[in-house]
Amino acid sequence: MQIHKELDTRGLNCPLPILKAKKSLNEMQSGELLRVVSTDAGSVRDFQAFARQTGNALVEQQTVGSDFIHVLRRR
């Protein structure tokens, strides 16, 4: 999987990870992948809802230690 852009939102709480991801996705081309790393446990369900509402695909979610990693594909 080729990640085109990575966003570190560790230490930020809702809604900041979503807002920063939205801004980054708007700067990307269709089909490109954005990887977001967050420490907010609520980001798991937040990114699921965000993907449904915006039409961007949530390709992967995983937890690594205290980090929650989300990979989105730009619509």
PDB file of N, CA and C in Angstrom:
ATOM      1  N   MET A   1       0.855  -1.179   0.000  1.00  0.00           N
ATOM      2  CA  MET A   1       0.000   0.000   0.000  1.00  0.00           C
ATOM      3  C   MET A   1       0.900   1.242   0.000  1.00  0.00           C
ATOM      4  N   GLN A   2       0.722   2.093  -0.993  1.00  0.00           N
ATOM      5  CA  GLN A   2       1.539   3.307  -1.075  1.00  0.00           C
ATOM      6  C   GLN A   2       0.793   4.475  -0.450  1.00  0.00           C
ATOM      7  N   ILE A   3       1.309   4.955   0.675  1.00  0.00           N
ATOM      8  CA  ILE A   3       0.726   6.103   1.369  1.00  0.00           C
ATOM      9  C   ILE A   3       1.259   7.371   0.705  1.00  0.00           C
ATOM     10  N   HIS A   4       0.353   8.266   0.310  1.00  0.00           N
ATOM     11  CA  HIS A   4       0.762   9.496  -0.366  1.00  0.00           C
ATOM     12  C   HIS A   4       1.005  10.641   0.607  1.00  0.00           C
ATOM     13  N   LYS A   5       0.327  10.585   1.758  1.00  0.00           N
ATOM     14  CA  LYS A   5       0.489  11.648   2.738  1.00  0.00           C
ATOM     15  C   LYS A   5       0.234  11.071   4.123  1.00  0.00           C
ATOM     16  N   GLU A   6       1.011  11.513   5.111  1.00  0.00           N
ATOM     17  CA  GLU A   6       0.825  11.043   6.482  1.00  0.00           C
ATOM     18  C   GLU A   6       0.565  12.243   7.388  1.00  0.00           C
ATOM     19  N   LEU A   7      -0.351  12.042   8.318  1.00  0.00           N
ATOM     20  CA  LEU A   7      -0.766  13.111   9.222  1.00  0.00           C
ATOM     21  C   LEU A   7      -0.635  12.611  10.657  1.00  0.00           C
ATOM     22  N   ASP A   8       0.145  13.315  11.472  1.00  0.00           N
ATOM     23  CA  ASP A   8       0.332  12.946  12.873  1.00  0.00           C
ATOM     24  C   ASP A   8      -0.558  13.844  13.726  1.00  0.00           C
ATOM     25  N   THR A   9      -1.607  13.247  14.305  1.00  0.00           N
ATOM     26  CA  THR A   9      -2.517  14.026  15.147  1.00  0.00           C
ATOM     27  C   THR A   9      -2.454  13.535  16.594  1.00  0.00           C
ATOM     28  N   ARG A  10      -1.327  12.932  16.969  1.00  0.00           N
ATOM     29  CA  ARG A  10      -1.166  12.456  18.351  1.00  0.00           C
ATOM     30  C   ARG A  10      -1.337  13.625  19.322  1.00  0.00           C
ATOM     31  N   GLY A  11      -2.078  13.364  20.402  1.00  0.00           N
ATOM     32  CA  GLY A  11      -2.287  14.387  21.430  1.00  0.00           C
ATOM     33  C   GLY A  11      -3.481  15.286  21.158  1.00  0.00           C
ATOM     34  N   LEU A  12      -4.050  15.205  19.967  1.00  0.00           N
ATOM     35  CA  LEU A  12      -5.217  16.023  19.635  1.00  0.00           C
ATOM     36  C   LEU A  12      -6.498  15.222  19.858  1.00  0.00           C
ATOM     37  N   ASN A  13      -7.525  15.881  20.370  1.00  0.00           N
ATOM     38  CA  ASN A  13      -8.807  15.223  20.597  1.00  0.00           C
ATOM     39  C   ASN A  13      -9.828  15.685  19.572  1.00  0.00           C
ATOM     40  N   CYS A  14     -10.899  14.917  19.475  1.00  0.00           N
ATOM     41  CA  CYS A  14     -12.011  15.210  18.568  1.00  0.00           C
ATOM     42  C   CYS A  14     -12.453  16.664  18.746  1.00  0.00           C
ATOM     43  N   PRO A  15     -12.709  17.379  17.695  1.00  0.00           N
ATOM     44  CA  PRO A  15     -12.762  16.973  16.292  1.00  0.00           C
ATOM     45  C   PRO A  15     -11.491  17.268  15.503  1.00  0.00           C
ATOM     46  N   LEU A  16     -10.411  17.634  16.163  1.00  0.00           N
ATOM     47  CA  LEU A  16      -9.213  18.078  15.442  1.00  0.00           C
ATOM     48  C   LEU A  16      -8.619  17.038  14.487  1.00  0.00           C
ATOM     49  N   PRO A  17      -8.504  15.751  14.855  1.00  0.00           N
ATOM     50  CA  PRO A  17      -7.974  14.793  13.867  1.00  0.00           C
ATOM     51  C   PRO A  17      -8.818  14.739  12.585  1.00  0.00           C
ATOM     52  N   ILE A  18     -10.135  14.789  12.739  1.00  0.00           N
ATOM     53  CA  ILE A  18     -11.030  14.754  11.568  1.00  0.00           C
ATOM     54  C   ILE A  18     -10.859  16.025  10.733  1.00  0.00           C
ATOM     55  N   LEU A  19     -10.818  17.169  11.387  1.00  0.00           N
ATOM     56  CA  LEU A  19     -10.684  18.435  10.664  1.00  0.00           C
ATOM     57  C   LEU A  19      -9.368  18.500   9.894  1.00  0.00           C
ATOM     58  N   LYS A  20      -8.286  18.038  10.513  1.00  0.00           N
ATOM     59  CA  LYS A  20      -6.991  18.044   9.831  1.00  0.00           C
ATOM     60  C   LYS A  20      -6.981  17.041   8.675  1.00  0.00           C
ATOM     61  N   ALA A  21      -7.631  15.896   8.866  1.00  0.00           N
ATOM     62  CA  ALA A  21      -7.712  14.905   7.788  1.00  0.00           C
ATOM     63  C   ALA A  21      -8.516  15.458   6.623  1.00  0.00           C
ATOM     64  N   LYS A  22      -9.613  16.134   6.932  1.00  0.00           N
ATOM     65  CA  LYS A  22     -10.454  16.709   5.876  1.00  0.00           C
ATOM     66  C   LYS A  22      -9.657  17.717   5.046  1.00  0.00           C
ATOM     67  N   LYS A  23      -8.885  18.561   5.727  1.00  0.00           N
ATOM     68  CA  LYS A  23      -8.067  19.556   5.042  1.00  0.00           C
ATOM     69  C   LYS A  23      -7.020  18.870   4.146  1.00  0.00           C
ATOM     70  N   SER A  24      -6.381  17.851   4.671  1.00  0.00           N
ATOM     71  CA  SER A  24      -5.366  17.132   3.892  1.00  0.00           C
ATOM     72  C   SER A  24      -5.981  16.439   2.682  1.00  0.00           C
ATOM     73  N   LEU A  25      -7.131  15.792   2.865  1.00  0.00           N
ATOM     74  CA  LEU A  25      -7.791  15.101   1.761  1.00  0.00           C
ATOM     75  C   LEU A  25      -8.183  16.077   0.654  1.00  0.00           C
ATOM     76  N   ASN A  26      -8.582  17.279   1.031  1.00  0.00           N
ATOM     77  CA  ASN A  26      -8.956  18.290   0.032  1.00  0.00           C
ATOM     78  C   ASN A  26      -7.780  18.707  -0.837  1.00  0.00           C
ATOM     79  N   GLU A  27      -6.559  18.533  -0.332  1.00  0.00           N
ATOM     80  CA  GLU A  27      -5.353  18.903  -1.076  1.00  0.00           C
ATOM     81  C   GLU A  27      -4.820  17.742  -1.921  1.00  0.00           C
ATOM     82  N   MET A  28      -5.450  16.571  -1.804  1.00  0.00           N
ATOM     83  CA  MET A  28      -4.958  15.367  -2.476  1.00  0.00           C
ATOM     84  C   MET A  28      -5.759  15.057  -3.739  1.00  0.00           C
ATOM     85  N   GLN A  29      -5.190  14.202  -4.582  1.00  0.00           N
ATOM     86  CA  GLN A  29      -5.846  13.765  -5.807  1.00  0.00           C
ATOM     87  C   GLN A  29      -6.725  12.552  -5.519  1.00  0.00           C
ATOM     88  N   SER A  30      -7.722  12.350  -6.344  1.00  0.00           N
ATOM     89  CA  SER A  30      -8.614  11.201  -6.209  1.00  0.00           C
ATOM     90  C   SER A  30      -7.809   9.898  -6.251  1.00  0.00           C
ATOM     91  N   GLY A  31      -8.100   8.987  -5.322  1.00  0.00           N
ATOM     92  CA  GLY A  31      -7.435   7.698  -5.270  1.00  0.00           C
ATOM     93  C   GLY A  31      -6.196   7.653  -4.390  1.00  0.00           C
ATOM     94  N   GLU A  32      -5.684   8.814  -4.000  1.00  0.00           N
ATOM     95  CA  GLU A  32      -4.495   8.831  -3.143  1.00  0.00           C
ATOM     96  C   GLU A  32      -4.863   8.424  -1.714  1.00  0.00           C
ATOM     97  N   LEU A  33      -3.851   7.911  -0.988  1.00  0.00           N
ATOM     98  CA  LEU A  33      -4.071   7.422   0.371  1.00  0.00           C
ATOM     99  C   LEU A  33      -3.497   8.374   1.412  1.00  0.00           C
ATOM    100  N   LEU A  34      -4.278   8.590   2.466  1.00  0.00           N
ATOM    101  CA  LEU A  34      -3.873   9.411   3.608  1.00  0.00           C
ATOM    102  C   LEU A  34      -3.824   8.520   4.833  1.00  0.00           C
ATOM    103  N   ARG A  35      -2.703   8.548   5.537  1.00  0.00           N
ATOM    104  CA  ARG A  35      -2.548   7.792   6.787  1.00  0.00           C
ATOM    105  C   ARG A  35      -2.587   8.786   7.934  1.00  0.00           C
ATOM    106  N   VAL A  36      -3.506   8.563   8.878  1.00  0.00           N
ATOM    107  CA  VAL A  36      -3.653   9.443  10.035  1.00  0.00           C
ATOM    108  C   VAL A  36      -3.316   8.646  11.293  1.00  0.00           C
ATOM    109  N   VAL A  37      -2.416   9.177  12.108  1.00  0.00           N
ATOM    110  CA  VAL A  37      -2.059   8.544  13.379  1.00  0.00           C
ATOM    111  C   VAL A  37      -2.614   9.417  14.490  1.00  0.00           C
ATOM    112  N   SER A  38      -3.396   8.789  15.388  1.00  0.00           N
ATOM    113  CA  SER A  38      -4.066   9.515  16.453  1.00  0.00           C
ATOM    114  C   SER A  38      -3.904   8.765  17.775  1.00  0.00           C
ATOM    115  N   THR A  39      -4.014   9.489  18.877  1.00  0.00           N
ATOM    116  CA  THR A  39      -4.018   8.856  20.202  1.00  0.00           C
ATOM    117  C   THR A  39      -5.403   8.948  20.834  1.00  0.00           C
ATOM    118  N   ASP A  40      -6.359   9.505  20.127  1.00  0.00           N
ATOM    119  CA  ASP A  40      -7.732   9.652  20.622  1.00  0.00           C
ATOM    120  C   ASP A  40      -8.518   8.376  20.310  1.00  0.00           C
ATOM    121  N   ALA A  41      -8.911   7.639  21.353  1.00  0.00           N
ATOM    122  CA  ALA A  41      -9.645   6.379  21.157  1.00  0.00           C
ATOM    123  C   ALA A  41     -10.951   6.606  20.401  1.00  0.00           C
ATOM    124  N   GLY A  42     -11.559   7.761  20.551  1.00  0.00           N
ATOM    125  CA  GLY A  42     -12.797   8.076  19.851  1.00  0.00           C
ATOM    126  C   GLY A  42     -12.605   8.242  18.357  1.00  0.00           C
ATOM    127  N   SER A  43     -11.355   8.362  17.922  1.00  0.00           N
ATOM    128  CA  SER A  43     -11.097   8.560  16.492  1.00  0.00           C
ATOM    129  C   SER A  43     -11.495   7.336  15.673  1.00  0.00           C
ATOM    130  N   VAL A  44     -11.539   6.163  16.286  1.00  0.00           N
ATOM    131  CA  VAL A  44     -11.902   4.946  15.543  1.00  0.00           C
ATOM    132  C   VAL A  44     -13.310   5.093  14.984  1.00  0.00           C
ATOM    133  N   ARG A  45     -14.271   5.394  15.828  1.00  0.00           N
ATOM    134  CA  ARG A  45     -15.648   5.556  15.338  1.00  0.00           C
ATOM    135  C   ARG A  45     -15.816   6.872  14.573  1.00  0.00           C
ATOM    136  N   ASP A  46     -15.058   7.903  14.947  1.00  0.00           N
ATOM    137  CA  ASP A  46     -15.147   9.184  14.237  1.00  0.00           C
ATOM    138  C   ASP A  46     -14.750   9.034  12.769  1.00  0.00           C
ATOM    139  N   PHE A  47     -13.666   8.299  12.496  1.00  0.00           N
ATOM    140  CA  PHE A  47     -13.226   8.129  11.112  1.00  0.00           C
ATOM    141  C   PHE A  47     -14.166   7.217  10.327  1.00  0.00           C
ATOM    142  N   GLN A  48     -14.800   6.263  11.000  1.00  0.00           N
ATOM    143  CA  GLN A  48     -15.802   5.426  10.331  1.00  0.00           C
ATOM    144  C   GLN A  48     -16.977   6.287   9.872  1.00  0.00           C
ATOM    145  N   ALA A  49     -17.452   7.154  10.749  1.00  0.00           N
ATOM    146  CA  ALA A  49     -18.568   8.049  10.410  1.00  0.00           C
ATOM    147  C   ALA A  49     -18.148   9.053   9.340  1.00  0.00           C
ATOM    148  N   PHE A  50     -16.943   9.585   9.463  1.00  0.00           N
ATOM    149  CA  PHE A  50     -16.430  10.554   8.497  1.00  0.00           C
ATOM    150  C   PHE A  50     -16.397   9.949   7.097  1.00  0.00           C
ATOM    151  N   ALA A  51     -15.919   8.712   6.993  1.00  0.00           N
ATOM    152  CA  ALA A  51     -15.837   8.045   5.688  1.00  0.00           C
ATOM    153  C   ALA A  51     -17.229   7.857   5.091  1.00  0.00           C
ATOM    154  N   ARG A  52     -18.181   7.425   5.911  1.00  0.00           N
ATOM    155  CA  ARG A  52     -19.560   7.239   5.418  1.00  0.00           C
ATOM    156  C   ARG A  52     -20.158   8.554   4.934  1.00  0.00           C
ATOM    157  N   GLN A  53     -19.926   9.622   5.667  1.00  0.00           N
ATOM    158  CA  GLN A  53     -20.542  10.912   5.353  1.00  0.00           C
ATOM    159  C   GLN A  53     -19.909  11.605   4.158  1.00  0.00           C
ATOM    160  N   THR A  54     -18.616  11.367   3.928  1.00  0.00           N
ATOM    161  CA  THR A  54     -17.911  12.111   2.872  1.00  0.00           C
ATOM    162  C   THR A  54     -17.697  11.319   1.594  1.00  0.00           C
ATOM    163  N   GLY A  55     -17.860  10.001   1.658  1.00  0.00           N
ATOM    164  CA  GLY A  55     -17.624   9.187   0.470  1.00  0.00           C
ATOM    165  C   GLY A  55     -16.170   8.788   0.274  1.00  0.00           C
ATOM    166  N   ASN A  56     -15.291   9.226   1.181  1.00  0.00           N
ATOM    167  CA  ASN A  56     -13.905   8.758   1.145  1.00  0.00           C
ATOM    168  C   ASN A  56     -13.882   7.358   1.743  1.00  0.00           C
ATOM    169  N   ALA A  57     -13.062   6.471   1.186  1.00  0.00           N
ATOM    170  CA  ALA A  57     -13.026   5.087   1.655  1.00  0.00           C
ATOM    171  C   ALA A  57     -12.085   4.938   2.841  1.00  0.00           C
ATOM    172  N   LEU A  58     -12.566   4.278   3.886  1.00  0.00           N
ATOM    173  CA  LEU A  58     -11.724   3.927   5.023  1.00  0.00           C
ATOM    174  C   LEU A  58     -11.124   2.559   4.699  1.00  0.00           C
ATOM    175  N   VAL A  59      -9.865   2.570   4.267  1.00  0.00           N
ATOM    176  CA  VAL A  59      -9.206   1.375   3.758  1.00  0.00           C
ATOM    177  C   VAL A  59      -8.757   0.463   4.896  1.00  0.00           C
ATOM    178  N   GLU A  60      -8.300   1.065   5.987  1.00  0.00           N
ATOM    179  CA  GLU A  60      -7.733   0.275   7.079  1.00  0.00           C
ATOM    180  C   GLU A  60      -7.790   1.056   8.374  1.00  0.00           C
ATOM    181  N   GLN A  61      -7.997   0.323   9.470  1.00  0.00           N
ATOM    182  CA  GLN A  61      -7.862   0.891  10.810  1.00  0.00           C
ATOM    183  C   GLN A  61      -7.129  -0.131  11.651  1.00  0.00           C
ATOM    184  N   GLN A  62      -6.170   0.333  12.444  1.00  0.00           N
ATOM    185  CA  GLN A  62      -5.471  -0.577  13.342  1.00  0.00           C
ATOM    186  C   GLN A  62      -4.998   0.160  14.580  1.00  0.00           C
ATOM    187  N   THR A  63      -4.773  -0.595  15.627  1.00  0.00           N
ATOM    188  CA  THR A  63      -4.257  -0.044  16.869  1.00  0.00           C
ATOM    189  C   THR A  63      -2.865  -0.615  17.079  1.00  0.00           C
ATOM    190  N   VAL A  64      -1.908   0.284  17.278  1.00  0.00           N
ATOM    191  CA  VAL A  64      -0.529  -0.117  17.531  1.00  0.00           C
ATOM    192  C   VAL A  64      -0.099   0.591  18.812  1.00  0.00           C
ATOM    193  N   GLY A  65      -0.030  -0.160  19.890  1.00  0.00           N
ATOM    194  CA  GLY A  65       0.279   0.443  21.184  1.00  0.00           C
ATOM    195  C   GLY A  65      -0.825   1.412  21.562  1.00  0.00           C
ATOM    196  N   SER A  66      -0.463   2.668  21.780  1.00  0.00           N
ATOM    197  CA  SER A  66      -1.463   3.689  22.118  1.00  0.00           C
ATOM    198  C   SER A  66      -1.886   4.509  20.905  1.00  0.00           C
ATOM    199  N   ASP A  67      -1.406   4.114  19.713  1.00  0.00           N
ATOM    200  CA  ASP A  67      -1.739   4.833  18.482  1.00  0.00           C
ATOM    201  C   ASP A  67      -2.883   4.146  17.732  1.00  0.00           C
ATOM    202  N   PHE A  68      -3.765   4.962  17.200  1.00  0.00           N
ATOM    203  CA  PHE A  68      -4.848   4.490  16.342  1.00  0.00           C
ATOM    204  C   PHE A  68      -4.517   4.970  14.936  1.00  0.00           C
ATOM    205  N   ILE A  69      -4.394   4.024  14.008  1.00  0.00           N
ATOM    206  CA  ILE A  69      -3.967   4.360  12.651  1.00  0.00           C
ATOM    207  C   ILE A  69      -5.136   4.162  11.704  1.00  0.00           C
ATOM    208  N   HIS A  70      -5.383   5.185  10.889  1.00  0.00           N
ATOM    209  CA  HIS A  70      -6.495   5.179   9.943  1.00  0.00           C
ATOM    210  C   HIS A  70      -5.913   5.474   8.556  1.00  0.00           C
ATOM    211  N   VAL A  71      -6.333   4.687   7.572  1.00  0.00           N
ATOM    212  CA  VAL A  71      -5.908   4.936   6.185  1.00  0.00           C
ATOM    213  C   VAL A  71      -7.174   5.205   5.368  1.00  0.00           C
ATOM    214  N   LEU A  72      -7.202   6.387   4.739  1.00  0.00           N
ATOM    215  CA  LEU A  72      -8.339   6.794   3.932  1.00  0.00           C
ATOM    216  C   LEU A  72      -7.926   6.964   2.475  1.00  0.00           C
ATOM    217  N   ARG A  73      -8.808   6.569   1.575  1.00  0.00           N
ATOM    218  CA  ARG A  73      -8.568   6.785   0.144  1.00  0.00           C
ATOM    219  C   ARG A  73      -9.455   7.957  -0.319  1.00  0.00           C
ATOM    220  N   ARG A  74      -8.823   8.952  -0.910  1.00  0.00           N
ATOM    221  CA  ARG A  74      -9.529  10.144  -1.389  1.00  0.00           C
ATOM    222  C   ARG A  74     -10.523   9.743  -2.494  1.00  0.00           C
ATOM    223  N   ARG A  75     -11.750  10.208  -2.367  1.00  0.00           N
ATOM    224  CA  ARG A  75     -12.768   9.887  -3.371  1.00  0.00           C
ATOM    225  C   ARG A  75     -12.511  10.597  -4.675  1.00  0.00           C
TER     226      ARG A  75
END
